[in-house]
Amino acid sequence: MTEKQSPDDFRRCVDGSLAEMRELFAETPLQLNDHLSARFGARIWLKREDLSPVRSYKIRGAFNFIRKALVANPEQKLFVCASAGNHAQGFAYVCRHFGRKGVVFMPVTTPQQKIDKTRVFGGEFIEIRLTGDFFDACYDAAREFAAAEGALMAPPFDHDDIIEGQASVGAEIEAQLPEGEAPDLVVLPVGGGGLSAGVARYLEGRLDAARFLLVEPEGAPSLKESLAAGHRVKLGKIDNFVDGAAVAEIGERNFEILQRFRADQVLTVPENAICLTMTRILNTEGIVLEPAGALSIAALEAMDPASLKGKSVVAVVSGGNFDFDRLPDVKERAMRYAGTKKYFILRLPQRPGALRDLLTLLGPEDDISRFEYLKKSARNFGSILIGIETSSPENFLHLTKAFDGAGLSYQDITDNEIISNLII
């Protein structure tokens, strides 16, 4: 892809890449989701990139990058990347396909599950090196290795060949939609911007720019901030919870393509809302999504339902590499966002029967999930931490009214990030 390349030329390049890609894996399905369609009164199509061989779309960009590199230089024997996630797994799978050695640099803190999956996908062709506690140190080590060993570094998103590979998602969507059905809305998750830039460029001229909705996690709005400023903005701080899309700065080439969108076409979704989406989709559809993979569906849930009614919507599900060790945290965040779980600090009298009296204030659907004494703040009173789960947010209105009626001194710390991180 070049600066002067026309949309038609770009599409031809993508279609050529896609034909080669079929040797590696079949197209991922575009599924009409009955549950979401009925819920929103629309036709909701899910592009299931979580069903690729590595459970994410990243295999596409890695394939196109390495394929084109070998066309340009068939003697290239060594490739390298820095990643602790989906890019590493796609890279490993492609290295094995082409029979080329790949070295993957990962932070020392990378979960063992991700290390093992990358090793399985790459087999004998992949070497994993654990370096540094944070990604920046790992990335620097990979670049130094590439310079010293003559390895070609495969970037995660900011490269023309990566963008071209990810654009194959758009090519498949266009081919898979029923004849005559053009989407009223295409919802694309955004991290570094490779997927969104590729799909938007492929569908340019076929779909008006107003028919796209781009979605970022609330804690990492690098594209939204950049569009608002009119230039790339590097965020000083990001929330890493949505690790597949938590990027401090949108890619340079990606931003050049995405500049045609307005800042208000980027929707930011709270991390806890994404957790609620993950649990709903798991419980209703049996679909396991990673936080970044749930972004596009979470966006639909954040929109005014009336704006979706009667429309045809394509939402790209970007990945399903979820570590189930994180499930308790996801469930906790989901319940807190839904308003069905809260934490209180209570000042409880130090007398016989005080705890029993407290328990009588709970409603029939209230369940204590955590209880502990924090300290004795005075001779006759003690502070306790209590976590309560219930079936409906309205139940907490009755509970706090009961607390007030009993004359209890209490503080709701559910949304107090500083206090809750210290003691919950």
Protein backbone atom coordinates (compact mmCIF):
# COMPACT_ATOMS: atom_id res chain seq x y z
CA MET A 1 0.00 0.00 0.00
CA THR A 2 1.41 3.38 -0.98
CA GLU A 3 0.29 6.94 -0.39
CA LYS A 4 -0.89 7.27 -4.01
CA GLN A 5 -2.45 3.84 -4.25
CA SER A 6 -6.08 4.08 -5.31
CA PRO A 7 -8.83 2.28 -3.37
CA ASP A 8 -9.27 -0.13 -6.31
CA ASP A 9 -5.55 -0.94 -6.38
CA PHE A 10 -5.60 -1.49 -2.62
CA ARG A 11 -8.56 -3.84 -2.94
CA ARG A 12 -6.79 -5.85 -5.64
CA CYS A 13 -3.74 -6.23 -3.40
CA VAL A 14 -5.90 -7.37 -0.51
CA ASP A 15 -7.80 -9.84 -2.69
CA GLY A 16 -4.50 -11.27 -3.90
CA SER A 17 -3.28 -11.64 -0.33
CA LEU A 18 -6.56 -13.29 0.64
CA ALA A 19 -6.23 -15.88 -2.11
CA GLU A 20 -2.80 -16.81 -0.75
CA MET A 21 -4.14 -16.79 2.79
CA ARG A 22 -6.62 -19.56 1.98
CA GLU A 23 -3.68 -21.96 1.94
CA LEU A 24 -3.26 -21.23 5.63
CA PHE A 25 -6.81 -21.12 6.97
CA ALA A 26 -10.43 -20.91 5.85
CA GLU A 27 -12.47 -17.73 6.08
CA THR A 28 -13.90 -16.96 9.50
CA PRO A 29 -17.71 -17.00 9.60
CA LEU A 30 -20.02 -14.00 9.46
CA GLN A 31 -22.91 -15.08 11.67
CA LEU A 32 -26.32 -13.53 12.11
CA ASN A 33 -26.74 -13.55 15.89
CA ASP A 34 -30.35 -14.27 16.80
CA HIS A 35 -30.01 -13.21 20.45
CA LEU A 36 -28.53 -9.79 19.73
CA SER A 37 -30.79 -9.26 16.73
CA ALA A 38 -33.90 -9.87 18.81
CA ARG A 39 -32.58 -7.72 21.64
CA PHE A 40 -31.95 -4.69 19.44
CA GLY A 41 -34.67 -5.24 16.84
CA ALA A 42 -31.99 -5.31 14.15
CA ARG A 43 -29.93 -7.71 12.05
CA ILE A 44 -26.71 -8.08 14.02
CA TRP A 45 -23.93 -9.89 12.18
CA LEU A 46 -20.83 -11.00 14.09
CA LYS A 47 -17.59 -11.42 12.16
CA ARG A 48 -16.01 -14.19 14.24
CA GLU A 49 -12.26 -13.58 14.19
CA ASP A 50 -12.13 -15.52 17.46
CA LEU A 51 -12.55 -18.62 15.29
CA SER A 52 -9.32 -18.20 13.33
CA PRO A 53 -6.61 -20.83 13.99
CA VAL A 54 -5.02 -18.55 16.60
CA ARG A 55 -8.35 -17.16 17.88
CA SER A 56 -7.71 -13.63 16.60
CA TYR A 57 -7.35 -11.65 13.38
CA LYS A 58 -3.64 -11.03 13.99
CA ILE A 59 -2.68 -14.04 11.89
CA ARG A 60 -3.78 -12.12 8.79
CA GLY A 61 -1.34 -9.23 9.11
CA ALA A 62 1.53 -11.51 10.14
CA PHE A 63 0.88 -13.74 7.14
CA ASN A 64 0.82 -10.87 4.66
CA PHE A 65 3.94 -9.26 6.12
CA ILE A 66 6.04 -12.42 6.03
CA ARG A 67 4.64 -13.56 2.66
CA LYS A 68 5.57 -10.28 0.99
CA ALA A 69 8.95 -10.20 2.71
CA LEU A 70 9.77 -13.62 1.25
CA VAL A 71 8.61 -12.55 -2.20
CA ALA A 72 10.99 -9.61 -2.00
CA ASN A 73 13.83 -11.69 -0.52
CA PRO A 74 13.43 -15.48 -0.63
CA GLU A 75 16.71 -15.81 1.29
CA GLN A 76 15.32 -14.13 4.41
CA LYS A 77 15.70 -16.82 7.06
CA LEU A 78 15.04 -15.06 10.36
CA PHE A 79 12.10 -13.01 11.64
CA VAL A 80 11.45 -11.42 15.01
CA CYS A 81 8.59 -9.79 16.88
CA ALA A 82 7.86 -8.32 20.30
CA SER A 83 4.50 -9.29 21.74
CA ALA A 84 2.92 -10.95 24.74
CA GLY A 85 -0.41 -11.58 23.05
CA ASN A 86 -2.23 -12.27 19.81
CA HIS A 87 0.45 -10.87 17.51
CA ALA A 88 2.99 -13.35 18.90
CA GLN A 89 0.66 -16.28 18.32
CA GLY A 90 -0.20 -15.26 14.76
CA PHE A 91 3.48 -14.62 14.03
CA ALA A 92 4.45 -18.06 15.38
CA TYR A 93 1.78 -19.84 13.34
CA VAL A 94 2.91 -18.10 10.14
CA CYS A 95 6.61 -18.79 10.76
CA ARG A 96 5.82 -22.49 11.01
CA HIS A 97 3.74 -22.30 7.81
CA PHE A 98 6.61 -20.78 5.84
CA GLY A 99 9.29 -22.87 7.55
CA ARG A 100 11.20 -19.82 8.78
CA LYS A 101 12.73 -19.33 12.20
CA GLY A 102 11.04 -16.70 14.33
CA VAL A 103 12.17 -15.23 17.63
CA VAL A 104 9.47 -13.83 19.90
CA PHE A 105 10.45 -11.41 22.64
CA MET A 106 8.04 -11.34 25.57
CA PRO A 107 8.15 -9.59 28.94
CA VAL A 108 9.21 -11.78 31.86
CA THR A 109 5.77 -11.10 33.38
CA THR A 110 3.92 -12.79 30.49
CA PRO A 111 1.45 -15.45 31.76
CA GLN A 112 2.68 -18.99 31.15
CA GLN A 113 -0.49 -19.80 29.21
CA LYS A 114 0.41 -17.26 26.50
CA ILE A 115 4.00 -18.49 26.33
CA ASP A 116 2.85 -22.08 25.94
CA LYS A 117 0.30 -21.25 23.21
CA THR A 118 2.87 -19.31 21.22
CA ARG A 119 5.30 -22.22 21.46
CA VAL A 120 2.63 -24.70 20.34
CA PHE A 121 1.67 -22.60 17.31
CA GLY A 122 5.28 -22.16 16.21
CA GLY A 123 6.68 -25.54 17.12
CA GLU A 124 10.33 -26.05 16.23
CA PHE A 125 10.43 -22.81 14.25
CA ILE A 126 9.87 -20.49 17.23
CA GLU A 127 12.23 -19.40 19.98
CA ILE A 128 10.83 -17.40 22.90
CA ARG A 129 12.97 -14.97 24.85
CA LEU A 130 11.67 -13.42 28.05
CA THR A 131 13.12 -9.95 28.52
CA GLY A 132 12.26 -7.08 30.87
CA ASP A 133 9.25 -6.48 33.08
CA PHE A 134 7.42 -4.17 30.64
CA PHE A 135 6.72 -4.19 26.91
CA ASP A 136 8.94 -1.22 26.09
CA ALA A 137 12.06 -3.04 27.33
CA CYS A 138 10.98 -6.15 25.44
CA TYR A 139 10.43 -4.15 22.24
CA ASP A 140 13.84 -2.50 22.50
CA ALA A 141 15.50 -5.90 22.96
CA ALA A 142 13.74 -7.21 19.85
CA ARG A 143 14.94 -4.26 17.77
CA GLU A 144 18.51 -4.72 19.01
CA PHE A 145 18.34 -8.41 18.13
CA ALA A 146 17.02 -7.64 14.64
CA ALA A 147 19.85 -5.18 13.98
CA ALA A 148 22.53 -7.52 15.29
CA GLU A 149 21.30 -10.76 13.67
CA GLY A 150 19.87 -9.53 10.38
CA ALA A 151 16.35 -10.53 11.40
CA LEU A 152 13.31 -8.83 9.90
CA MET A 153 11.01 -7.40 12.55
CA ALA A 154 7.28 -7.91 12.08
CA PRO A 155 5.46 -4.93 13.68
CA PRO A 156 2.08 -5.50 15.36
CA PHE A 157 0.08 -2.87 13.46
CA ASP A 158 1.92 0.16 12.05
CA HIS A 159 3.00 -1.12 8.63
CA ASP A 160 1.43 -1.11 5.17
CA ASP A 161 1.67 -4.89 4.77
CA ILE A 162 0.09 -5.49 8.19
CA ILE A 163 -2.78 -3.13 7.34
CA GLU A 164 -3.24 -4.87 3.99
CA GLY A 165 -3.42 -8.25 5.71
CA GLN A 166 -5.98 -7.11 8.29
CA ALA A 167 -8.04 -5.59 5.47
CA SER A 168 -8.88 -9.14 4.39
CA VAL A 169 -11.49 -9.08 7.18
CA GLY A 170 -13.33 -6.43 5.17
CA ALA A 171 -13.02 -8.45 1.97
CA GLU A 172 -14.60 -11.47 3.64
CA ILE A 173 -17.41 -9.41 5.15
CA GLU A 174 -18.32 -8.01 1.75
CA ALA A 175 -18.34 -11.46 0.17
CA GLN A 176 -20.26 -13.12 3.03
CA LEU A 177 -23.16 -10.70 3.39
CA PRO A 178 -26.33 -11.81 1.60
CA GLU A 179 -26.67 -10.42 -1.90
CA GLY A 180 -28.18 -6.96 -1.80
CA GLU A 181 -27.57 -6.42 1.90
CA ALA A 182 -25.22 -3.55 2.66
CA PRO A 183 -24.55 -2.85 6.34
CA ASP A 184 -25.99 0.32 7.82
CA LEU A 185 -23.22 0.21 10.40
CA VAL A 186 -19.83 -1.50 10.68
CA VAL A 187 -18.43 -1.59 14.21
CA LEU A 188 -14.65 -1.93 14.47
CA PRO A 189 -12.56 -2.28 17.63
CA VAL A 190 -9.44 -0.12 17.74
CA GLY A 191 -6.10 -0.70 19.42
CA GLY A 192 -3.10 0.21 17.33
CA GLY A 193 -5.39 0.69 14.34
CA GLY A 194 -4.30 -2.04 11.92
CA LEU A 195 -7.69 -3.76 11.72
CA SER A 196 -9.81 -0.61 11.60
CA ALA A 197 -7.54 1.09 9.05
CA GLY A 198 -7.47 -1.98 6.83
CA VAL A 199 -11.21 -2.65 6.84
CA ALA A 200 -12.09 1.02 6.43
CA ARG A 201 -9.69 1.36 3.49
CA TYR A 202 -11.01 -1.80 1.82
CA LEU A 203 -14.63 -0.63 2.08
CA GLU A 204 -13.82 2.96 1.07
CA GLY A 205 -16.05 3.95 -1.82
CA ARG A 206 -18.39 1.07 -1.04
CA LEU A 207 -19.63 2.37 2.32
CA ASP A 208 -19.98 6.00 3.33
CA ALA A 209 -17.67 7.04 6.18
CA ALA A 210 -20.73 7.79 8.32
CA ARG A 211 -21.54 4.08 8.40
CA PHE A 212 -18.53 3.23 10.55
CA LEU A 213 -18.33 3.22 14.32
CA LEU A 214 -14.88 2.83 15.88
CA VAL A 215 -14.59 1.59 19.45
CA GLU A 216 -11.85 2.01 22.04
CA PRO A 217 -11.62 1.12 25.74
CA GLU A 218 -12.27 4.14 27.92
CA GLY A 219 -8.85 3.80 29.53
CA ALA A 220 -6.94 4.00 26.21
CA PRO A 221 -8.66 6.44 23.81
CA SER A 222 -5.62 7.12 21.62
CA LEU A 223 -7.56 7.40 18.34
CA LYS A 224 -10.35 9.56 19.76
CA GLU A 225 -7.87 11.96 21.35
CA SER A 226 -5.82 12.08 18.15
CA LEU A 227 -8.83 12.82 15.94
CA ALA A 228 -9.96 15.55 18.33
CA ALA A 229 -6.50 17.13 18.26
CA GLY A 230 -5.98 16.73 14.51
CA HIS A 231 -2.69 14.90 15.00
CA ARG A 232 -1.42 11.79 16.75
CA VAL A 233 -1.51 12.06 20.53
CA LYS A 234 0.50 9.81 22.84
CA LEU A 235 -1.44 9.19 26.03
CA GLY A 236 0.49 9.72 29.24
CA LYS A 237 -1.34 6.92 31.04
CA ILE A 238 -3.50 4.01 29.92
CA ASP A 239 -5.55 1.29 31.58
CA ASN A 240 -4.08 -2.06 30.48
CA PHE A 241 -7.12 -4.18 31.37
CA VAL A 242 -8.24 -4.47 27.73
CA ASP A 243 -4.75 -5.64 26.86
CA GLY A 244 -5.48 -6.35 23.19
CA ALA A 245 -6.54 -2.75 22.56
CA ALA A 246 -4.75 -0.72 25.23
CA VAL A 247 -2.36 1.31 23.08
CA ALA A 248 -0.88 4.65 24.13
CA GLU A 249 -0.49 5.94 20.57
CA ILE A 250 -2.33 5.01 17.38
CA GLY A 251 -0.05 3.84 14.57
CA GLU A 252 1.24 6.53 12.22
CA ARG A 253 0.13 4.86 8.97
CA ASN A 254 -3.10 3.77 10.58
CA PHE A 255 -3.92 7.31 11.68
CA GLU A 256 -3.31 8.63 8.17
CA ILE A 257 -6.10 6.34 6.95
CA LEU A 258 -8.44 6.89 9.90
CA GLN A 259 -8.22 10.70 9.76
CA ARG A 260 -11.27 10.73 7.49
CA PHE A 261 -13.42 9.89 10.52
CA ARG A 262 -14.64 12.37 13.12
CA ALA A 263 -13.77 12.12 16.80
CA ASP A 264 -17.47 11.60 17.61
CA GLN A 265 -17.41 8.44 15.46
CA VAL A 266 -15.16 6.87 18.09
CA LEU A 267 -17.07 5.44 21.03
CA THR A 268 -15.17 4.73 24.25
CA VAL A 269 -16.52 1.96 26.45
CA PRO A 270 -15.74 1.57 30.18
CA GLU A 271 -13.63 -1.45 31.03
CA ASN A 272 -16.24 -2.74 33.48
CA ALA A 273 -18.96 -2.46 30.82
CA ILE A 274 -16.82 -4.66 28.57
CA CYS A 275 -16.70 -7.22 31.39
CA LEU A 276 -20.50 -7.20 31.57
CA THR A 277 -20.64 -7.88 27.83
CA MET A 278 -18.16 -10.75 28.18
CA THR A 279 -20.24 -12.45 30.87
CA ARG A 280 -23.50 -11.95 28.98
CA ILE A 281 -22.13 -13.41 25.76
CA LEU A 282 -20.59 -16.33 27.64
CA ASN A 283 -23.85 -17.08 29.48
CA THR A 284 -26.24 -16.61 26.55
CA GLU A 285 -24.18 -17.74 23.56
CA GLY A 286 -21.39 -19.84 25.05
CA ILE A 287 -18.88 -17.60 23.23
CA VAL A 288 -15.60 -16.95 25.03
CA LEU A 289 -14.25 -13.50 24.22
CA GLU A 290 -11.19 -11.63 25.40
CA PRO A 291 -11.80 -8.03 26.55
CA ALA A 292 -10.70 -6.54 23.20
CA GLY A 293 -12.85 -9.11 21.38
CA ALA A 294 -15.94 -7.92 23.24
CA LEU A 295 -15.42 -4.24 22.39
CA SER A 296 -17.70 -4.07 19.35
CA ILE A 297 -20.60 -5.83 21.10
CA ALA A 298 -20.10 -3.68 24.20
CA ALA A 299 -20.43 -0.65 21.92
CA LEU A 300 -23.85 -1.83 20.74
CA GLU A 301 -24.95 -2.21 24.36
CA ALA A 302 -23.80 1.34 25.09
CA MET A 303 -25.78 2.86 22.20
CA ASP A 304 -29.36 4.09 22.18
CA PRO A 305 -31.36 0.99 21.11
CA ALA A 306 -33.58 3.19 18.94
CA SER A 307 -30.55 4.09 16.78
CA LEU A 308 -30.08 0.40 15.89
CA LYS A 309 -33.69 -0.65 15.36
CA GLY A 310 -34.33 -2.08 11.91
CA LYS A 311 -30.72 -1.74 10.78
CA SER A 312 -28.18 -4.22 9.46
CA VAL A 313 -25.07 -4.09 11.67
CA VAL A 314 -21.73 -5.87 11.31
CA ALA A 315 -19.68 -6.07 14.50
CA VAL A 316 -16.15 -7.46 14.26
CA VAL A 317 -15.31 -9.82 17.11
CA SER A 318 -11.55 -9.47 17.08
CA GLY A 319 -10.39 -12.25 19.38
CA GLY A 320 -11.10 -14.94 21.96
CA ASN A 321 -7.78 -15.55 23.69
CA PHE A 322 -9.09 -15.33 27.23
CA ASP A 323 -7.18 -16.60 30.25
CA PHE A 324 -9.80 -18.10 32.56
CA ASP A 325 -7.69 -17.18 35.56
CA ARG A 326 -9.06 -13.70 34.90
CA LEU A 327 -12.70 -14.81 35.09
CA PRO A 328 -13.24 -13.92 38.79
CA ASP A 329 -11.98 -10.38 38.11
CA VAL A 330 -14.19 -10.08 35.01
CA LYS A 331 -17.24 -11.27 36.94
CA GLU A 332 -16.48 -8.86 39.78
CA ARG A 333 -16.13 -5.91 37.40
CA ALA A 334 -19.28 -6.89 35.52
CA MET A 335 -21.41 -7.04 38.67
CA ARG A 336 -20.08 -3.73 39.93
CA TYR A 337 -20.89 -2.09 36.58
CA ALA A 338 -24.37 -3.63 36.56
CA GLY A 339 -24.94 -2.29 40.08
CA THR A 340 -25.57 -5.74 41.57
CA LYS A 341 -22.48 -5.79 43.80
CA LYS A 342 -21.28 -3.17 46.24
CA TYR A 343 -18.74 -2.78 49.00
CA PHE A 344 -19.34 -0.80 52.17
CA ILE A 345 -17.23 0.18 55.15
CA LEU A 346 -19.47 0.14 58.21
CA ARG A 347 -18.85 1.48 61.73
CA LEU A 348 -20.35 -1.28 63.86
CA PRO A 349 -20.99 -1.04 67.63
CA GLN A 350 -18.84 -3.43 69.69
CA ARG A 351 -21.66 -5.07 71.65
CA PRO A 352 -23.32 -8.48 71.72
CA GLY A 353 -25.93 -8.84 69.00
CA ALA A 354 -24.65 -6.00 66.79
CA LEU A 355 -23.75 -8.33 63.96
CA ARG A 356 -27.10 -10.10 64.22
CA ASP A 357 -28.88 -6.75 64.03
CA LEU A 358 -26.90 -5.90 60.90
CA LEU A 359 -27.91 -9.15 59.22
CA THR A 360 -31.60 -8.43 59.81
CA LEU A 361 -31.26 -5.33 57.62
CA LEU A 362 -30.43 -7.42 54.55
CA GLY A 363 -33.17 -8.15 52.04
CA PRO A 364 -34.17 -11.66 50.88
CA GLU A 365 -32.07 -11.35 47.69
CA ASP A 366 -28.98 -9.85 49.34
CA ASP A 367 -25.99 -12.13 49.83
CA ILE A 368 -22.80 -11.34 51.77
CA SER A 369 -19.81 -12.15 49.56
CA ARG A 370 -17.13 -10.71 51.82
CA PHE A 371 -16.90 -9.75 55.47
CA GLU A 372 -13.91 -8.76 57.55
CA TYR A 373 -12.99 -6.55 60.47
CA LEU A 374 -10.59 -3.80 59.45
CA LYS A 375 -9.75 -2.27 62.82
CA LYS A 376 -11.22 -1.01 66.06
CA SER A 377 -11.55 2.70 65.51
CA ALA A 378 -12.71 3.33 69.07
CA ARG A 379 -13.34 1.41 72.26
CA ASN A 380 -17.01 0.92 71.50
CA PHE A 381 -16.95 0.75 67.68
CA GLY A 382 -15.17 -1.25 65.00
CA SER A 383 -14.86 -0.84 61.23
CA ILE A 384 -15.88 -3.69 58.94
CA LEU A 385 -15.66 -4.27 55.21
CA ILE A 386 -18.73 -5.92 53.76
CA GLY A 387 -19.34 -6.97 50.16
CA ILE A 388 -22.91 -7.63 49.10
CA GLU A 389 -24.28 -9.22 45.93
CA THR A 390 -27.92 -8.93 44.97
CA SER A 391 -30.22 -9.56 42.04
CA SER A 392 -31.19 -5.98 41.21
CA PRO A 393 -29.57 -2.56 41.70
CA GLU A 394 -32.82 -1.30 43.26
CA ASN A 395 -32.22 -3.60 46.24
CA PHE A 396 -29.36 -1.37 47.35
CA LEU A 397 -31.75 1.56 47.67
CA HIS A 398 -33.72 -0.42 50.24
CA LEU A 399 -30.54 -1.57 51.98
CA THR A 400 -29.00 1.89 52.39
CA LYS A 401 -32.37 3.19 53.59
CA ALA A 402 -32.30 0.43 56.21
CA PHE A 403 -28.74 1.42 57.17
CA ASP A 404 -29.88 5.01 57.62
CA GLY A 405 -32.90 3.95 59.64
CA ALA A 406 -30.69 1.93 61.98
CA GLY A 407 -28.38 4.90 62.49
CA LEU A 408 -25.34 3.12 61.03
CA SER A 409 -22.35 5.10 59.85
CA TYR A 410 -21.25 3.71 56.47
CA GLN A 411 -19.46 4.58 53.24
CA ASP A 412 -20.02 3.05 49.80
CA ILE A 413 -16.51 2.46 48.42
CA THR A 414 -17.52 0.48 45.31
CA ASP A 415 -16.50 3.22 42.89
CA ASN A 416 -13.74 4.72 45.02
CA GLU A 417 -10.79 3.40 43.02
CA ILE A 418 -8.11 4.40 45.51
CA ILE A 419 -9.75 2.87 48.59
CA SER A 420 -11.12 -0.22 46.83
CA ASN A 421 -7.74 -1.04 45.26
CA LEU A 422 -6.13 -0.90 48.70
CA ILE A 423 -8.49 -3.10 50.63
CA ILE A 424 -10.67 -5.15 48.26
